[in-house]
């Protein structure tokens, strides 16, 4: 009996698995895609903020080119003649420039080093309040000045410290027989300037520290209390170390604004008598740039101010990194 010829089955080669490295890359790529897809709503919410900074912060940086040109309206930004560093030489040859820079640094340093601890102290004090209604009332009272414009704050200051009609001088006349020109004496003007700034922004700045205080474990205070630590010792050894990262972060950001005194605050309080201590970069830019139409000079001054602020931020961060508290 004849048998059918046996057909030989083809040998199928078994596919080898991908290398471990390739498999890891595929897994990471898939995880990134899933993460991107999950974060699409957050990215869409981020777009308006990104556009704000691009349009109003980064695009205007192109205007800094007029600091190196003899700018005029007819030729425009790109058509105006190039003068190189002449504008910087001009502003630093002017006798008033060094005085303006000195005033800016002095007032900014006072704002930072005198005013910086007050929001921290206020936040710690509010954190120790146990009556909820009393805490809400105090918070409302201290937050409120932040929402007033400097024109209103300036009116308050003049009402209090005016030489003839001020409330404080009215009391001084009754007690001492003569008023004191608070707003026309350089030392008292600086004290009023710094004090009004602290009063206006102290409450609002304390919000960040109050939020940081909520992250401290309450059991640490309970343990310290059982060990016999009083309130001051608890603040020193638990509260301050617990918010030290936030303190360093805000201090670094404050150093970046060391050359930005602010126009409104100075302008509403200054007068011709105290111009030797009250004339700062922001008022110089307004007087020379807008009123005097010397846009190239003021652009050079603004660029100098920004460079100094950047150097101070980098220096403060480098110092903070030595204590493992750097911003980056």
C-alpha atoms as a PDB file:
ATOM      1  CA  UNK A   1       0.000   0.000   0.000  1.00  0.00           C
ATOM      2  CA  UNK A   2       1.448   3.280  -1.079  1.00  0.00           C
ATOM      3  CA  UNK A   3       1.914   5.927   1.539  1.00  0.00           C
ATOM      4  CA  UNK A   4       1.494   9.623   0.870  1.00  0.00           C
ATOM      5  CA  UNK A   5       4.708  11.525   0.810  1.00  0.00           C
ATOM      6  CA  UNK A   6       5.325  13.376   4.031  1.00  0.00           C
ATOM      7  CA  UNK A   7       5.555  17.149   3.668  1.00  0.00           C
ATOM      8  CA  UNK A   8       8.158  18.847   5.718  1.00  0.00           C
ATOM      9  CA  UNK A   9       6.771  21.620   7.950  1.00  0.00           C
ATOM     10  CA  UNK A  10       8.734  24.877   7.659  1.00  0.00           C
ATOM     11  CA  UNK A  11      10.592  25.741  10.779  1.00  0.00           C
ATOM     12  CA  UNK A  12       9.268  29.020  12.248  1.00  0.00           C
ATOM     13  CA  UNK A  13      11.871  31.171  13.886  1.00  0.00           C
ATOM     14  CA  UNK A  14      10.735  32.419  17.315  1.00  0.00           C
ATOM     15  CA  UNK A  15      10.934  36.200  17.577  1.00  0.00           C
ATOM     16  CA  UNK A  16      13.396  37.283  20.238  1.00  0.00           C
ATOM     17  CA  UNK A  17      12.142  39.758  22.876  1.00  0.00           C
ATOM     18  CA  UNK A  18      13.359  43.377  22.599  1.00  0.00           C
ATOM     19  CA  UNK A  19      16.350  44.380  24.648  1.00  0.00           C
ATOM     20  CA  UNK A  20      15.762  45.579  28.189  1.00  0.00           C
ATOM     21  CA  UNK A  21      16.873  49.104  27.315  1.00  0.00           C
ATOM     22  CA  UNK A  22      14.453  49.341  24.385  1.00  0.00           C
ATOM     23  CA  UNK A  23      11.610  48.025  26.536  1.00  0.00           C
ATOM     24  CA  UNK A  24      12.361  50.602  29.216  1.00  0.00           C
ATOM     25  CA  UNK A  25      12.331  53.404  26.617  1.00  0.00           C
ATOM     26  CA  UNK A  26       8.959  52.241  25.282  1.00  0.00           C
ATOM     27  CA  UNK A  27       7.521  52.130  28.806  1.00  0.00           C
ATOM     28  CA  UNK A  28       8.806  55.607  29.639  1.00  0.00           C
ATOM     29  CA  UNK A  29       7.495  56.985  26.330  1.00  0.00           C
ATOM     30  CA  UNK A  30       4.046  55.516  26.971  1.00  0.00           C
ATOM     31  CA  UNK A  31       4.050  56.947  30.502  1.00  0.00           C
ATOM     32  CA  UNK A  32       4.957  60.392  29.150  1.00  0.00           C
ATOM     33  CA  UNK A  33       2.124  60.236  26.612  1.00  0.00           C
ATOM     34  CA  UNK A  34      -0.358  59.270  29.316  1.00  0.00           C
ATOM     35  CA  UNK A  35       0.904  62.053  31.551  1.00  0.00           C
ATOM     36  CA  UNK A  36       0.686  64.607  28.743  1.00  0.00           C
ATOM     37  CA  UNK A  37      -2.869  63.530  27.922  1.00  0.00           C
ATOM     38  CA  UNK A  38      -3.895  63.734  31.583  1.00  0.00           C
ATOM     39  CA  UNK A  39      -2.403  67.230  31.923  1.00  0.00           C
ATOM     40  CA  UNK A  40      -3.970  68.746  28.787  1.00  0.00           C
ATOM     41  CA  UNK A  41      -6.655  70.639  30.805  1.00  0.00           C
ATOM     42  CA  UNK A  42      -3.965  72.133  33.070  1.00  0.00           C
ATOM     43  CA  UNK A  43      -1.882  73.155  30.052  1.00  0.00           C
ATOM     44  CA  UNK A  44      -4.886  74.896  28.496  1.00  0.00           C
ATOM     45  CA  UNK A  45      -5.400  76.816  31.736  1.00  0.00           C
ATOM     46  CA  UNK A  46      -1.717  77.773  31.680  1.00  0.00           C
ATOM     47  CA  UNK A  47      -1.876  79.306  28.191  1.00  0.00           C
ATOM     48  CA  UNK A  48      -3.440  82.693  29.187  1.00  0.00           C
ATOM     49  CA  UNK A  49      -0.778  83.258  31.849  1.00  0.00           C
ATOM     50  CA  UNK A  50       1.954  82.267  29.388  1.00  0.00           C
ATOM     51  CA  UNK A  51       0.590  84.665  26.770  1.00  0.00           C
ATOM     52  CA  UNK A  52       0.483  87.475  29.339  1.00  0.00           C
ATOM     53  CA  UNK A  53       4.167  87.110  30.166  1.00  0.00           C
ATOM     54  CA  UNK A  54       5.183  86.703  26.523  1.00  0.00           C
ATOM     55  CA  UNK A  55       3.209  89.723  25.276  1.00  0.00           C
ATOM     56  CA  UNK A  56       3.680  92.134  28.172  1.00  0.00           C
ATOM     57  CA  UNK A  57       7.018  91.026  29.660  1.00  0.00           C
ATOM     58  CA  UNK A  58       9.233  89.396  27.027  1.00  0.00           C
ATOM     59  CA  UNK A  59       8.204  91.114  23.783  1.00  0.00           C
ATOM     60  CA  UNK A  60       8.757  94.645  25.225  1.00  0.00           C
ATOM     61  CA  UNK A  61      12.362  93.642  25.988  1.00  0.00           C
ATOM     62  CA  UNK A  62      13.035  94.284  22.316  1.00  0.00           C
ATOM     63  CA  UNK A  63      12.549  97.981  23.063  1.00  0.00           C
ATOM     64  CA  UNK A  64      15.769  97.973  25.089  1.00  0.00           C
ATOM     65  CA  UNK A  65      17.567  98.501  21.799  1.00  0.00           C
ATOM     66  CA  UNK A  66      16.791 102.224  22.067  1.00  0.00           C
ATOM     67  CA  UNK A  67      19.205 102.365  25.008  1.00  0.00           C
ATOM     68  CA  UNK A  68      21.945 102.045  22.387  1.00  0.00           C
ATOM     69  CA  UNK A  69      20.381 104.487  19.897  1.00  0.00           C
ATOM     70  CA  UNK A  70      19.585 108.179  19.597  1.00  0.00           C
ATOM     71  CA  UNK A  71      15.867 107.447  19.460  1.00  0.00           C
ATOM     72  CA  UNK A  72      13.328 109.762  17.845  1.00  0.00           C
ATOM     73  CA  UNK A  73       9.721 109.301  16.781  1.00  0.00           C
ATOM     74  CA  UNK A  74      10.316 110.033  13.094  1.00  0.00           C
ATOM     75  CA  UNK A  75      12.948 107.344  12.485  1.00  0.00           C
ATOM     76  CA  UNK A  76      11.423 104.804  14.878  1.00  0.00           C
ATOM     77  CA  UNK A  77      13.145 102.133  16.936  1.00  0.00           C
ATOM     78  CA  UNK A  78      15.066 100.491  14.101  1.00  0.00           C
ATOM     79  CA  UNK A  79      15.663 103.609  12.000  1.00  0.00           C
ATOM     80  CA  UNK A  80      17.162 105.775  14.739  1.00  0.00           C
ATOM     81  CA  UNK A  81      20.954 106.185  14.569  1.00  0.00           C
ATOM     82  CA  UNK A  82      23.102 103.780  16.584  1.00  0.00           C
ATOM     83  CA  UNK A  83      25.212 105.461  19.291  1.00  0.00           C
ATOM     84  CA  UNK A  84      26.510 102.451  21.208  1.00  0.00           C
ATOM     85  CA  UNK A  85      27.330 103.144  24.868  1.00  0.00           C
ATOM     86  CA  UNK A  86      27.012 106.932  24.589  1.00  0.00           C
ATOM     87  CA  UNK A  87      23.719 107.023  26.528  1.00  0.00           C
ATOM     88  CA  UNK A  88      25.273 105.133  29.434  1.00  0.00           C
ATOM     89  CA  UNK A  89      28.231 107.512  29.476  1.00  0.00           C
ATOM     90  CA  UNK A  90      25.862 110.480  29.475  1.00  0.00           C
ATOM     91  CA  UNK A  91      23.732 109.349  32.415  1.00  0.00           C
ATOM     92  CA  UNK A  92      26.760 108.473  34.537  1.00  0.00           C
ATOM     93  CA  UNK A  93      28.401 111.815  33.798  1.00  0.00           C
ATOM     94  CA  UNK A  94      25.366 113.685  35.115  1.00  0.00           C
ATOM     95  CA  UNK A  95      25.751 114.850  38.696  1.00  0.00           C
ATOM     96  CA  UNK A  96      22.205 113.815  39.644  1.00  0.00           C
ATOM     97  CA  UNK A  97      22.570 110.217  38.465  1.00  0.00           C
ATOM     98  CA  UNK A  98      24.683 108.982  41.364  1.00  0.00           C
ATOM     99  CA  UNK A  99      22.338 110.705  43.805  1.00  0.00           C
ATOM    100  CA  UNK A 100      19.317 109.024  42.174  1.00  0.00           C
ATOM    101  CA  UNK A 101      20.970 105.593  42.304  1.00  0.00           C
ATOM    102  CA  UNK A 102      22.060 106.128  45.915  1.00  0.00           C
ATOM    103  CA  UNK A 103      18.539 107.141  46.977  1.00  0.00           C
ATOM    104  CA  UNK A 104      17.061 104.124  45.198  1.00  0.00           C
ATOM    105  CA  UNK A 105      19.438 101.695  46.895  1.00  0.00           C
ATOM    106  CA  UNK A 106      19.021 103.268  50.354  1.00  0.00           C
ATOM    107  CA  UNK A 107      15.216 103.300  50.261  1.00  0.00           C
ATOM    108  CA  UNK A 108      15.079  99.790  48.778  1.00  0.00           C
ATOM    109  CA  UNK A 109      17.455  98.404  51.380  1.00  0.00           C
ATOM    110  CA  UNK A 110      15.353  99.950  54.140  1.00  0.00           C
ATOM    111  CA  UNK A 111      12.196  98.474  52.616  1.00  0.00           C
ATOM    112  CA  UNK A 112      13.758  95.009  52.412  1.00  0.00           C
ATOM    113  CA  UNK A 113      15.713  94.757  55.662  1.00  0.00           C
ATOM    114  CA  UNK A 114      13.409  96.815  57.887  1.00  0.00           C
ATOM    115  CA  UNK A 115      10.089  95.793  56.363  1.00  0.00           C
ATOM    116  CA  UNK A 116      10.848  92.137  55.573  1.00  0.00           C
ATOM    117  CA  UNK A 117      10.472  90.724  59.148  1.00  0.00           C
ATOM    118  CA  UNK A 118       7.093  92.380  59.839  1.00  0.00           C
ATOM    119  CA  UNK A 119       4.920  90.013  57.719  1.00  0.00           C
ATOM    120  CA  UNK A 120       6.679  87.048  59.363  1.00  0.00           C
ATOM    121  CA  UNK A 121       5.991  88.410  62.859  1.00  0.00           C
ATOM    122  CA  UNK A 122       2.371  89.182  61.964  1.00  0.00           C
ATOM    123  CA  UNK A 123       1.821  85.689  60.514  1.00  0.00           C
ATOM    124  CA  UNK A 124       3.255  84.041  63.636  1.00  0.00           C
ATOM    125  CA  UNK A 125       1.098  86.200  65.911  1.00  0.00           C
ATOM    126  CA  UNK A 126      -2.049  85.440  63.897  1.00  0.00           C
ATOM    127  CA  UNK A 127      -1.179  81.750  63.928  1.00  0.00           C
ATOM    128  CA  UNK A 128      -1.167  81.811  67.734  1.00  0.00           C
ATOM    129  CA  UNK A 129      -4.673  83.336  67.956  1.00  0.00           C
ATOM    130  CA  UNK A 130      -7.207  80.740  69.049  1.00  0.00           C
ATOM    131  CA  UNK A 131     -10.424  82.759  68.753  1.00  0.00           C
ATOM    132  CA  UNK A 132     -11.532  82.296  65.129  1.00  0.00           C
ATOM    133  CA  UNK A 133     -13.744  85.411  64.985  1.00  0.00           C
ATOM    134  CA  UNK A 134     -11.025  87.612  66.473  1.00  0.00           C
ATOM    135  CA  UNK A 135      -8.476  86.224  64.010  1.00  0.00           C
ATOM    136  CA  UNK A 136     -10.779  86.970  61.050  1.00  0.00           C
ATOM    137  CA  UNK A 137     -11.348  90.542  62.228  1.00  0.00           C
ATOM    138  CA  UNK A 138      -7.622  91.216  62.646  1.00  0.00           C
ATOM    139  CA  UNK A 139      -6.842  89.674  59.258  1.00  0.00           C
ATOM    140  CA  UNK A 140      -9.438  91.874  57.557  1.00  0.00           C
ATOM    141  CA  UNK A 141      -8.091  95.008  59.227  1.00  0.00           C
ATOM    142  CA  UNK A 142      -4.454  94.345  58.322  1.00  0.00           C
ATOM    143  CA  UNK A 143      -5.222  93.123  54.768  1.00  0.00           C
ATOM    144  CA  UNK A 144      -7.355  96.158  53.881  1.00  0.00           C
ATOM    145  CA  UNK A 145      -4.567  98.753  53.273  1.00  0.00           C
ATOM    146  CA  UNK A 146      -3.126  96.612  50.461  1.00  0.00           C
ATOM    147  CA  UNK A 147      -6.221  97.318  48.351  1.00  0.00           C
ATOM    148  CA  UNK A 148      -5.926 101.105  48.728  1.00  0.00           C
ATOM    149  CA  UNK A 149      -4.046 103.024  46.041  1.00  0.00           C
ATOM    150  CA  UNK A 150      -1.018 105.071  47.022  1.00  0.00           C
ATOM    151  CA  UNK A 151      -3.023 108.221  46.315  1.00  0.00           C
ATOM    152  CA  UNK A 152      -5.345 107.291  49.186  1.00  0.00           C
ATOM    153  CA  UNK A 153      -2.456 106.255  51.422  1.00  0.00           C
ATOM    154  CA  UNK A 154      -0.718 109.528  50.616  1.00  0.00           C
ATOM    155  CA  UNK A 155      -3.853 111.385  51.695  1.00  0.00           C
ATOM    156  CA  UNK A 156      -3.811 109.511  55.015  1.00  0.00           C
ATOM    157  CA  UNK A 157      -0.143 110.365  55.552  1.00  0.00           C
ATOM    158  CA  UNK A 158      -0.640 114.061  54.786  1.00  0.00           C
ATOM    159  CA  UNK A 159      -3.695 114.161  57.058  1.00  0.00           C
ATOM    160  CA  UNK A 160      -1.605 112.735  59.890  1.00  0.00           C
ATOM    161  CA  UNK A 161       1.729 114.523  59.403  1.00  0.00           C
ATOM    162  CA  UNK A 162       0.983 117.855  57.676  1.00  0.00           C
ATOM    163  CA  UNK A 163       2.808 120.693  59.414  1.00  0.00           C
ATOM    164  CA  UNK A 164      -0.134 123.018  59.952  1.00  0.00           C
ATOM    165  CA  UNK A 165      -3.254 120.832  59.828  1.00  0.00           C
ATOM    166  CA  UNK A 166      -1.911 117.329  60.582  1.00  0.00           C
ATOM    167  CA  UNK A 167      -3.336 115.343  63.463  1.00  0.00           C
ATOM    168  CA  UNK A 168       0.085 114.538  64.924  1.00  0.00           C
ATOM    169  CA  UNK A 169       1.254 118.155  64.777  1.00  0.00           C
ATOM    170  CA  UNK A 170      -2.012 119.310  66.317  1.00  0.00           C
ATOM    171  CA  UNK A 171      -1.140 117.188  69.366  1.00  0.00           C
ATOM    172  CA  UNK A 172       2.479 118.412  69.332  1.00  0.00           C
ATOM    173  CA  UNK A 173       1.275 122.017  69.396  1.00  0.00           C
ATOM    174  CA  UNK A 174      -0.727 121.307  72.535  1.00  0.00           C
ATOM    175  CA  UNK A 175       2.087 119.381  74.246  1.00  0.00           C
ATOM    176  CA  UNK A 176       5.249 121.165  73.046  1.00  0.00           C
ATOM    177  CA  UNK A 177       3.908 124.446  71.713  1.00  0.00           C
ATOM    178  CA  UNK A 178       5.248 124.060  68.155  1.00  0.00           C
ATOM    179  CA  UNK A 179       4.815 121.629  65.237  1.00  0.00           C
ATOM    180  CA  UNK A 180       7.490 119.521  63.552  1.00  0.00           C
ATOM    181  CA  UNK A 181       7.873 119.413  59.734  1.00  0.00           C
ATOM    182  CA  UNK A 182       7.734 115.634  59.353  1.00  0.00           C
ATOM    183  CA  UNK A 183       7.283 115.673  55.575  1.00  0.00           C
ATOM    184  CA  UNK A 184       9.954 118.336  55.009  1.00  0.00           C
ATOM    185  CA  UNK A 185      12.811 116.842  57.020  1.00  0.00           C
ATOM    186  CA  UNK A 186      14.868 114.129  55.230  1.00  0.00           C
ATOM    187  CA  UNK A 187      15.173 111.782  58.229  1.00  0.00           C
ATOM    188  CA  UNK A 188      11.506 111.878  59.220  1.00  0.00           C
ATOM    189  CA  UNK A 189      10.433 111.677  55.552  1.00  0.00           C
ATOM    190  CA  UNK A 190      12.391 108.448  55.112  1.00  0.00           C
ATOM    191  CA  UNK A 191      10.874 107.023  58.316  1.00  0.00           C
ATOM    192  CA  UNK A 192       7.347 107.914  57.123  1.00  0.00           C
ATOM    193  CA  UNK A 193       8.086 106.432  53.690  1.00  0.00           C
ATOM    194  CA  UNK A 194       9.297 103.118  55.116  1.00  0.00           C
ATOM    195  CA  UNK A 195       6.571 102.971  57.783  1.00  0.00           C
ATOM    196  CA  UNK A 196       3.739 103.627  55.334  1.00  0.00           C
ATOM    197  CA  UNK A 197       5.044 100.907  53.032  1.00  0.00           C
ATOM    198  CA  UNK A 198       5.178  98.406  55.890  1.00  0.00           C
ATOM    199  CA  UNK A 199       1.655  99.331  57.025  1.00  0.00           C
ATOM    200  CA  UNK A 200       0.229  98.974  53.509  1.00  0.00           C
ATOM    201  CA  UNK A 201       1.777  95.641  52.506  1.00  0.00           C
ATOM    202  CA  UNK A 202       2.435  93.863  55.809  1.00  0.00           C
ATOM    203  CA  UNK A 203      -0.957  92.145  56.068  1.00  0.00           C
ATOM    204  CA  UNK A 204      -1.134  90.939  52.490  1.00  0.00           C
ATOM    205  CA  UNK A 205       2.460  89.668  52.514  1.00  0.00           C
ATOM    206  CA  UNK A 206       1.683  87.642  55.658  1.00  0.00           C
ATOM    207  CA  UNK A 207      -0.750  85.432  53.686  1.00  0.00           C
ATOM    208  CA  UNK A 208       2.101  83.379  52.206  1.00  0.00           C
ATOM    209  CA  UNK A 209       3.646  82.790  55.620  1.00  0.00           C
ATOM    210  CA  UNK A 210       0.269  81.808  57.084  1.00  0.00           C
ATOM    211  CA  UNK A 211      -0.092  79.231  54.309  1.00  0.00           C
ATOM    212  CA  UNK A 212       3.414  77.918  55.072  1.00  0.00           C
ATOM    213  CA  UNK A 213       2.572  77.637  58.774  1.00  0.00           C
ATOM    214  CA  UNK A 214      -0.295  75.252  58.021  1.00  0.00           C
ATOM    215  CA  UNK A 215       2.220  72.697  56.702  1.00  0.00           C
ATOM    216  CA  UNK A 216       3.912  72.332  60.120  1.00  0.00           C
ATOM    217  CA  UNK A 217       2.885  69.170  61.962  1.00  0.00           C
ATOM    218  CA  UNK A 218       0.853  70.156  65.095  1.00  0.00           C
ATOM    219  CA  UNK A 219       2.250  67.150  66.953  1.00  0.00           C
ATOM    220  CA  UNK A 220       5.620  68.927  67.054  1.00  0.00           C
ATOM    221  CA  UNK A 221       4.103  71.680  69.192  1.00  0.00           C
ATOM    222  CA  UNK A 222       2.423  69.103  71.442  1.00  0.00           C
ATOM    223  CA  UNK A 223       5.693  67.264  71.965  1.00  0.00           C
ATOM    224  CA  UNK A 224       7.550  70.507  72.659  1.00  0.00           C
ATOM    225  CA  UNK A 225       4.858  71.564  75.145  1.00  0.00           C
ATOM    226  CA  UNK A 226       5.152  68.238  76.982  1.00  0.00           C
ATOM    227  CA  UNK A 227       8.909  68.749  77.157  1.00  0.00           C
ATOM    228  CA  UNK A 228       8.336  72.102  78.860  1.00  0.00           C
ATOM    229  CA  UNK A 229       9.042  74.469  75.933  1.00  0.00           C
ATOM    230  CA  UNK A 230       7.318  77.843  76.189  1.00  0.00           C
ATOM    231  CA  UNK A 231       5.806  79.748  73.241  1.00  0.00           C
ATOM    232  CA  UNK A 232       8.981  81.640  72.368  1.00  0.00           C
ATOM    233  CA  UNK A 233      11.012  78.425  72.356  1.00  0.00           C
ATOM    234  CA  UNK A 234       8.414  76.718  70.164  1.00  0.00           C
ATOM    235  CA  UNK A 235       8.508  79.612  67.707  1.00  0.00           C
ATOM    236  CA  UNK A 236      12.293  79.582  67.642  1.00  0.00           C
ATOM    237  CA  UNK A 237      12.825  75.835  67.268  1.00  0.00           C
ATOM    238  CA  UNK A 238       9.683  74.734  65.359  1.00  0.00           C
ATOM    239  CA  UNK A 239       7.885  77.620  63.654  1.00  0.00           C
ATOM    240  CA  UNK A 240      10.835  79.498  62.162  1.00  0.00           C
ATOM    241  CA  UNK A 241      12.663  76.376  60.901  1.00  0.00           C
ATOM    242  CA  UNK A 242       9.348  75.122  59.491  1.00  0.00           C
ATOM    243  CA  UNK A 243       8.900  78.185  57.272  1.00  0.00           C
ATOM    244  CA  UNK A 244      12.588  78.870  56.618  1.00  0.00           C
ATOM    245  CA  UNK A 245      12.335  77.713  52.986  1.00  0.00           C
ATOM    246  CA  UNK A 246       9.501  80.169  52.331  1.00  0.00           C
ATOM    247  CA  UNK A 247      11.413  82.960  54.063  1.00  0.00           C
ATOM    248  CA  UNK A 248      14.510  82.381  51.918  1.00  0.00           C
ATOM    249  CA  UNK A 249      12.445  82.155  48.721  1.00  0.00           C
ATOM    250  CA  UNK A 250      10.685  85.473  49.367  1.00  0.00           C
ATOM    251  CA  UNK A 251      13.935  87.099  50.439  1.00  0.00           C
ATOM    252  CA  UNK A 252      15.582  86.129  47.138  1.00  0.00           C
ATOM    253  CA  UNK A 253      12.632  87.569  45.215  1.00  0.00           C
ATOM    254  CA  UNK A 254      12.797  90.736  47.332  1.00  0.00           C
ATOM    255  CA  UNK A 255      16.484  91.138  46.463  1.00  0.00           C
ATOM    256  CA  UNK A 256      15.510  91.124  42.789  1.00  0.00           C
ATOM    257  CA  UNK A 257      13.350  94.188  43.446  1.00  0.00           C
ATOM    258  CA  UNK A 258      16.076  96.033  45.328  1.00  0.00           C
ATOM    259  CA  UNK A 259      16.324  98.644  42.552  1.00  0.00           C
ATOM    260  CA  UNK A 260      12.543  99.003  42.160  1.00  0.00           C
ATOM    261  CA  UNK A 261      11.411 101.469  44.786  1.00  0.00           C
ATOM    262  CA  UNK A 262       8.107 102.040  43.019  1.00  0.00           C
ATOM    263  CA  UNK A 263       6.883 105.237  41.428  1.00  0.00           C
ATOM    264  CA  UNK A 264       3.518 105.799  43.153  1.00  0.00           C
ATOM    265  CA  UNK A 265       4.797 105.468  46.706  1.00  0.00           C
ATOM    266  CA  UNK A 266       7.587 108.008  46.278  1.00  0.00           C
ATOM    267  CA  UNK A 267       5.728 110.387  43.991  1.00  0.00           C
ATOM    268  CA  UNK A 268       2.732 110.980  46.279  1.00  0.00           C
ATOM    269  CA  UNK A 269       4.959 111.658  49.305  1.00  0.00           C
ATOM    270  CA  UNK A 270       7.900 113.568  47.830  1.00  0.00           C
ATOM    271  CA  UNK A 271       8.296 117.339  47.682  1.00  0.00           C
ATOM    272  CA  UNK A 272      10.984 119.740  46.532  1.00  0.00           C
ATOM    273  CA  UNK A 273      12.425 120.161  50.040  1.00  0.00           C
ATOM    274  CA  UNK A 274      13.361 116.475  50.395  1.00  0.00           C
ATOM    275  CA  UNK A 275      14.234 115.841  46.733  1.00  0.00           C
ATOM    276  CA  UNK A 276      17.837 115.088  47.725  1.00  0.00           C
ATOM    277  CA  UNK A 277      16.625 111.856  49.406  1.00  0.00           C
ATOM    278  CA  UNK A 278      13.317 111.290  47.550  1.00  0.00           C
ATOM    279  CA  UNK A 279      14.442 111.435  43.914  1.00  0.00           C
ATOM    280  CA  UNK A 280      14.796 107.797  42.785  1.00  0.00           C
ATOM    281  CA  UNK A 281      15.137 105.944  39.476  1.00  0.00           C
ATOM    282  CA  UNK A 282      11.373 105.662  38.903  1.00  0.00           C
ATOM    283  CA  UNK A 283      10.818 109.412  39.362  1.00  0.00           C
ATOM    284  CA  UNK A 284      13.911 110.097  37.235  1.00  0.00           C
ATOM    285  CA  UNK A 285      12.446 107.978  34.422  1.00  0.00           C
ATOM    286  CA  UNK A 286       9.162 109.881  34.657  1.00  0.00           C
ATOM    287  CA  UNK A 287      10.773 113.315  34.746  1.00  0.00           C
ATOM    288  CA  UNK A 288      13.467 112.783  32.113  1.00  0.00           C
ATOM    289  CA  UNK A 289      11.780 110.175  29.926  1.00  0.00           C
ATOM    290  CA  UNK A 290       8.108 111.164  29.799  1.00  0.00           C
ATOM    291  CA  UNK A 291       8.286 114.857  30.614  1.00  0.00           C
ATOM    292  CA  UNK A 292      11.640 115.508  28.928  1.00  0.00           C
ATOM    293  CA  UNK A 293      11.161 113.027  26.022  1.00  0.00           C
ATOM    294  CA  UNK A 294      14.720 111.686  26.436  1.00  0.00           C
ATOM    295  CA  UNK A 295      13.716 108.092  25.853  1.00  0.00           C
ATOM    296  CA  UNK A 296      17.171 106.727  25.073  1.00  0.00           C
ATOM    297  CA  UNK A 297      18.641 107.994  28.345  1.00  0.00           C
ATOM    298  CA  UNK A 298      15.837 106.551  30.437  1.00  0.00           C
ATOM    299  CA  UNK A 299      15.971 103.228  28.548  1.00  0.00           C
ATOM    300  CA  UNK A 300      19.669 103.030  29.421  1.00  0.00           C
ATOM    301  CA  UNK A 301      18.875 103.773  33.064  1.00  0.00           C
ATOM    302  CA  UNK A 302      16.134 101.128  33.065  1.00  0.00           C
ATOM    303  CA  UNK A 303      18.495  98.548  31.562  1.00  0.00           C
ATOM    304  CA  UNK A 304      21.107  99.359  34.211  1.00  0.00           C
ATOM    305  CA  UNK A 305      18.443  98.928  36.907  1.00  0.00           C
ATOM    306  CA  UNK A 306      17.426  95.511  35.513  1.00  0.00           C
ATOM    307  CA  UNK A 307      21.025  94.275  35.291  1.00  0.00           C
ATOM    308  CA  UNK A 308      21.716  95.258  38.901  1.00  0.00           C
ATOM    309  CA  UNK A 309      18.512  93.486  39.997  1.00  0.00           C
ATOM    310  CA  UNK A 310      19.547  90.320  38.130  1.00  0.00           C
ATOM    311  CA  UNK A 311      22.994  90.354  39.737  1.00  0.00           C
ATOM    312  CA  UNK A 312      21.443  90.731  43.197  1.00  0.00           C
ATOM    313  CA  UNK A 313      19.046  87.812  42.600  1.00  0.00           C
ATOM    314  CA  UNK A 314      21.874  85.561  41.430  1.00  0.00           C
ATOM    315  CA  UNK A 315      24.032  86.592  44.392  1.00  0.00           C
ATOM    316  CA  UNK A 316      21.256  86.024  46.928  1.00  0.00           C
ATOM    317  CA  UNK A 317      20.490  82.618  45.444  1.00  0.00           C
ATOM    318  CA  UNK A 318      24.168  81.628  45.446  1.00  0.00           C
ATOM    319  CA  UNK A 319      24.376  82.576  49.124  1.00  0.00           C
ATOM    320  CA  UNK A 320      21.196  80.632  49.927  1.00  0.00           C
ATOM    321  CA  UNK A 321      22.513  77.533  48.136  1.00  0.00           C
ATOM    322  CA  UNK A 322      25.392  77.371  50.599  1.00  0.00           C
ATOM    323  CA  UNK A 323      22.742  76.642  53.244  1.00  0.00           C
ATOM    324  CA  UNK A 324      20.750  74.259  50.971  1.00  0.00           C
ATOM    325  CA  UNK A 325      17.950  76.812  50.599  1.00  0.00           C
ATOM    326  CA  UNK A 326      18.513  78.044  47.027  1.00  0.00           C
ATOM    327  CA  UNK A 327      15.679  78.825  44.648  1.00  0.00           C
ATOM    328  CA  UNK A 328      17.396  76.878  41.847  1.00  0.00           C
END
